[in-house]
């Protein structure tokens, strides 16, 4: 009964043009292929996508994805999907950018957490790889 009431309230709020957020993770997902590797990723929020392809100016290109379990994954040509180090969880990918030169570059990913509205970043340096540290940004 309570679940049905919440669903009715959610529908009424949606019809009124108000956003309704669920406390649990979304269960909907889609299979996405990038560089010949297929992964299963969460359906996007209206605010941010859950799969993004990066056509970097330096180094190899990447695809990034958020799994239905909220883990953050990456793939590149010749490298199957793998979680980005640091045990990060997110709901959307909010930004990708790079800095540096062709011989010393840094690739950045910024992710979004729906429950808090916070953003976290991690960097991949050409000399070291992922720094394994998700920092609030």
C-alpha atoms as a PDB file:
ATOM      1  CA  UNK A   1       0.000   0.000   0.000  1.00  0.00           C
ATOM      2  CA  UNK A   2       2.759   2.443   0.949  1.00  0.00           C
ATOM      3  CA  UNK A   3       4.710   1.596  -2.227  1.00  0.00           C
ATOM      4  CA  UNK A   4       1.599   2.228  -4.344  1.00  0.00           C
ATOM      5  CA  UNK A   5       1.032   5.551  -2.553  1.00  0.00           C
ATOM      6  CA  UNK A   6       4.632   6.638  -3.213  1.00  0.00           C
ATOM      7  CA  UNK A   7       4.225   5.686  -6.873  1.00  0.00           C
ATOM      8  CA  UNK A   8       1.026   7.758  -7.120  1.00  0.00           C
ATOM      9  CA  UNK A   9       2.724  10.749  -5.472  1.00  0.00           C
ATOM     10  CA  UNK A  10       5.686  10.378  -7.842  1.00  0.00           C
ATOM     11  CA  UNK A  11       3.358  10.364 -10.865  1.00  0.00           C
ATOM     12  CA  UNK A  12       1.489  13.430  -9.596  1.00  0.00           C
ATOM     13  CA  UNK A  13       4.742  15.297  -8.953  1.00  0.00           C
ATOM     14  CA  UNK A  14       6.022  14.308 -12.374  1.00  0.00           C
ATOM     15  CA  UNK A  15       2.845  15.591 -13.992  1.00  0.00           C
ATOM     16  CA  UNK A  16       3.326  18.852 -12.082  1.00  0.00           C
ATOM     17  CA  UNK A  17       6.786  19.186 -13.631  1.00  0.00           C
ATOM     18  CA  UNK A  18       8.731  18.444 -10.448  1.00  0.00           C
ATOM     19  CA  UNK A  19      11.706  16.071 -10.349  1.00  0.00           C
ATOM     20  CA  UNK A  20      11.429  12.902  -8.301  1.00  0.00           C
ATOM     21  CA  UNK A  21      14.530  10.961  -7.280  1.00  0.00           C
ATOM     22  CA  UNK A  22      14.502   7.361  -6.143  1.00  0.00           C
ATOM     23  CA  UNK A  23      16.658   6.351  -3.189  1.00  0.00           C
ATOM     24  CA  UNK A  24      17.888   3.190  -4.898  1.00  0.00           C
ATOM     25  CA  UNK A  25      20.009   2.785  -8.017  1.00  0.00           C
ATOM     26  CA  UNK A  26      18.260   2.503 -11.352  1.00  0.00           C
ATOM     27  CA  UNK A  27      17.907  -1.062 -12.554  1.00  0.00           C
ATOM     28  CA  UNK A  28      17.584  -0.231 -16.236  1.00  0.00           C
ATOM     29  CA  UNK A  29      20.659  -0.841 -18.351  1.00  0.00           C
ATOM     30  CA  UNK A  30      21.917  -1.086 -21.909  1.00  0.00           C
ATOM     31  CA  UNK A  31      24.737  -2.914 -23.650  1.00  0.00           C
ATOM     32  CA  UNK A  32      27.244  -0.586 -25.299  1.00  0.00           C
ATOM     33  CA  UNK A  33      30.178  -1.471 -27.560  1.00  0.00           C
ATOM     34  CA  UNK A  34      33.281   0.642 -27.860  1.00  0.00           C
ATOM     35  CA  UNK A  35      36.517  -0.326 -29.645  1.00  0.00           C
ATOM     36  CA  UNK A  36      35.026  -3.813 -30.125  1.00  0.00           C
ATOM     37  CA  UNK A  37      34.375  -4.412 -26.393  1.00  0.00           C
ATOM     38  CA  UNK A  38      30.825  -4.664 -25.041  1.00  0.00           C
ATOM     39  CA  UNK A  39      29.787  -3.620 -21.542  1.00  0.00           C
ATOM     40  CA  UNK A  40      26.517  -3.227 -19.666  1.00  0.00           C
ATOM     41  CA  UNK A  41      25.875   0.290 -18.401  1.00  0.00           C
ATOM     42  CA  UNK A  42      23.199   2.110 -16.443  1.00  0.00           C
ATOM     43  CA  UNK A  43      20.651   4.125 -18.338  1.00  0.00           C
ATOM     44  CA  UNK A  44      21.502   7.836 -18.150  1.00  0.00           C
ATOM     45  CA  UNK A  45      20.035  10.405 -15.810  1.00  0.00           C
ATOM     46  CA  UNK A  46      18.575  13.503 -17.486  1.00  0.00           C
ATOM     47  CA  UNK A  47      21.498  15.518 -16.105  1.00  0.00           C
ATOM     48  CA  UNK A  48      24.437  13.399 -17.306  1.00  0.00           C
ATOM     49  CA  UNK A  49      25.223  10.465 -19.598  1.00  0.00           C
ATOM     50  CA  UNK A  50      26.488   7.127 -18.308  1.00  0.00           C
ATOM     51  CA  UNK A  51      28.612   6.312 -21.379  1.00  0.00           C
ATOM     52  CA  UNK A  52      30.969   8.790 -23.057  1.00  0.00           C
ATOM     53  CA  UNK A  53      33.558   8.400 -25.821  1.00  0.00           C
ATOM     54  CA  UNK A  54      36.662  10.597 -25.557  1.00  0.00           C
ATOM     55  CA  UNK A  55      38.498  11.599 -28.716  1.00  0.00           C
ATOM     56  CA  UNK A  56      41.621  12.853 -26.970  1.00  0.00           C
ATOM     57  CA  UNK A  57      44.173  15.112 -28.611  1.00  0.00           C
ATOM     58  CA  UNK A  58      47.024  13.199 -26.924  1.00  0.00           C
ATOM     59  CA  UNK A  59      47.451   9.468 -26.313  1.00  0.00           C
ATOM     60  CA  UNK A  60      44.884   6.777 -27.096  1.00  0.00           C
ATOM     61  CA  UNK A  61      41.157   7.471 -27.130  1.00  0.00           C
ATOM     62  CA  UNK A  62      38.897   6.080 -24.396  1.00  0.00           C
ATOM     63  CA  UNK A  63      35.292   5.230 -23.639  1.00  0.00           C
ATOM     64  CA  UNK A  64      33.971   5.604 -20.102  1.00  0.00           C
ATOM     65  CA  UNK A  65      30.868   4.039 -18.584  1.00  0.00           C
ATOM     66  CA  UNK A  66      28.906   3.780 -15.342  1.00  0.00           C
ATOM     67  CA  UNK A  67      27.670   0.243 -14.634  1.00  0.00           C
ATOM     68  CA  UNK A  68      24.237  -0.527 -13.131  1.00  0.00           C
ATOM     69  CA  UNK A  69      26.155  -1.063  -9.838  1.00  0.00           C
ATOM     70  CA  UNK A  70      27.553   2.508 -10.212  1.00  0.00           C
ATOM     71  CA  UNK A  71      31.172   1.410 -10.820  1.00  0.00           C
ATOM     72  CA  UNK A  72      33.217   3.550 -13.229  1.00  0.00           C
ATOM     73  CA  UNK A  73      34.718   1.711 -16.209  1.00  0.00           C
ATOM     74  CA  UNK A  74      37.091   2.579 -19.038  1.00  0.00           C
ATOM     75  CA  UNK A  75      38.192   0.956 -22.292  1.00  0.00           C
ATOM     76  CA  UNK A  76      40.627   1.849 -25.059  1.00  0.00           C
ATOM     77  CA  UNK A  77      41.718   0.244 -28.325  1.00  0.00           C
ATOM     78  CA  UNK A  78      43.286  -3.099 -27.426  1.00  0.00           C
ATOM     79  CA  UNK A  79      42.188  -2.842 -23.760  1.00  0.00           C
ATOM     80  CA  UNK A  80      38.881  -4.439 -22.628  1.00  0.00           C
ATOM     81  CA  UNK A  81      36.553  -2.676 -20.205  1.00  0.00           C
ATOM     82  CA  UNK A  82      38.060  -2.422 -16.708  1.00  0.00           C
ATOM     83  CA  UNK A  83      37.129  -0.459 -13.607  1.00  0.00           C
ATOM     84  CA  UNK A  84      39.090   2.709 -13.003  1.00  0.00           C
ATOM     85  CA  UNK A  85      41.228   2.257  -9.850  1.00  0.00           C
ATOM     86  CA  UNK A  86      40.100   3.846  -6.601  1.00  0.00           C
ATOM     87  CA  UNK A  87      36.767   2.043  -6.035  1.00  0.00           C
ATOM     88  CA  UNK A  88      34.749   5.052  -7.202  1.00  0.00           C
ATOM     89  CA  UNK A  89      30.969   4.933  -7.554  1.00  0.00           C
ATOM     90  CA  UNK A  90      28.973   7.425  -9.603  1.00  0.00           C
ATOM     91  CA  UNK A  91      25.680   8.049 -11.366  1.00  0.00           C
ATOM     92  CA  UNK A  92      26.830  10.085 -14.368  1.00  0.00           C
ATOM     93  CA  UNK A  93      29.842  11.374 -16.268  1.00  0.00           C
ATOM     94  CA  UNK A  94      29.872  15.161 -16.079  1.00  0.00           C
ATOM     95  CA  UNK A  95      33.125  16.163 -17.813  1.00  0.00           C
ATOM     96  CA  UNK A  96      36.252  14.940 -19.592  1.00  0.00           C
ATOM     97  CA  UNK A  97      39.259  17.126 -20.401  1.00  0.00           C
ATOM     98  CA  UNK A  98      42.974  16.902 -20.996  1.00  0.00           C
ATOM     99  CA  UNK A  99      45.979  19.084 -20.292  1.00  0.00           C
ATOM    100  CA  UNK A 100      49.621  18.977 -21.287  1.00  0.00           C
ATOM    101  CA  UNK A 101      51.517  18.190 -24.463  1.00  0.00           C
ATOM    102  CA  UNK A 102      51.874  15.189 -26.744  1.00  0.00           C
ATOM    103  CA  UNK A 103      54.718  13.814 -24.593  1.00  0.00           C
ATOM    104  CA  UNK A 104      53.447  14.717 -21.100  1.00  0.00           C
ATOM    105  CA  UNK A 105      49.668  14.822 -20.813  1.00  0.00           C
ATOM    106  CA  UNK A 106      46.953  14.361 -18.208  1.00  0.00           C
ATOM    107  CA  UNK A 107      43.442  13.049 -18.958  1.00  0.00           C
ATOM    108  CA  UNK A 108      40.742  13.991 -16.440  1.00  0.00           C
ATOM    109  CA  UNK A 109      37.326  12.479 -15.733  1.00  0.00           C
ATOM    110  CA  UNK A 110      34.689  14.133 -13.560  1.00  0.00           C
ATOM    111  CA  UNK A 111      31.729  12.081 -12.309  1.00  0.00           C
ATOM    112  CA  UNK A 112      28.494  13.054 -10.588  1.00  0.00           C
ATOM    113  CA  UNK A 113      26.846  11.521  -7.505  1.00  0.00           C
ATOM    114  CA  UNK A 114      23.043  11.856  -7.626  1.00  0.00           C
ATOM    115  CA  UNK A 115      22.356  11.451  -3.893  1.00  0.00           C
ATOM    116  CA  UNK A 116      24.673  14.291  -2.842  1.00  0.00           C
ATOM    117  CA  UNK A 117      24.964  16.342  -6.026  1.00  0.00           C
ATOM    118  CA  UNK A 118      28.756  16.273  -5.568  1.00  0.00           C
ATOM    119  CA  UNK A 119      31.388  15.841  -8.269  1.00  0.00           C
ATOM    120  CA  UNK A 120      34.563  13.753  -8.034  1.00  0.00           C
ATOM    121  CA  UNK A 121      37.584  13.730 -10.336  1.00  0.00           C
ATOM    122  CA  UNK A 122      40.480  11.464 -11.140  1.00  0.00           C
ATOM    123  CA  UNK A 123      43.440  11.966 -13.462  1.00  0.00           C
ATOM    124  CA  UNK A 124      45.400   9.697 -15.786  1.00  0.00           C
ATOM    125  CA  UNK A 125      48.956  10.904 -16.389  1.00  0.00           C
ATOM    126  CA  UNK A 126      50.941   9.700 -19.379  1.00  0.00           C
ATOM    127  CA  UNK A 127      53.904   8.798 -17.171  1.00  0.00           C
ATOM    128  CA  UNK A 128      52.048   7.028 -14.321  1.00  0.00           C
ATOM    129  CA  UNK A 129      48.518   6.030 -15.362  1.00  0.00           C
ATOM    130  CA  UNK A 130      45.450   6.459 -13.133  1.00  0.00           C
ATOM    131  CA  UNK A 131      46.231   8.096  -9.804  1.00  0.00           C
ATOM    132  CA  UNK A 132      43.629   5.877  -8.002  1.00  0.00           C
ATOM    133  CA  UNK A 133      42.357   8.868  -6.018  1.00  0.00           C
ATOM    134  CA  UNK A 134      38.814  10.162  -6.481  1.00  0.00           C
ATOM    135  CA  UNK A 135      38.904  13.729  -5.159  1.00  0.00           C
ATOM    136  CA  UNK A 136      35.956  16.066  -4.745  1.00  0.00           C
ATOM    137  CA  UNK A 137      36.102  18.725  -7.437  1.00  0.00           C
END
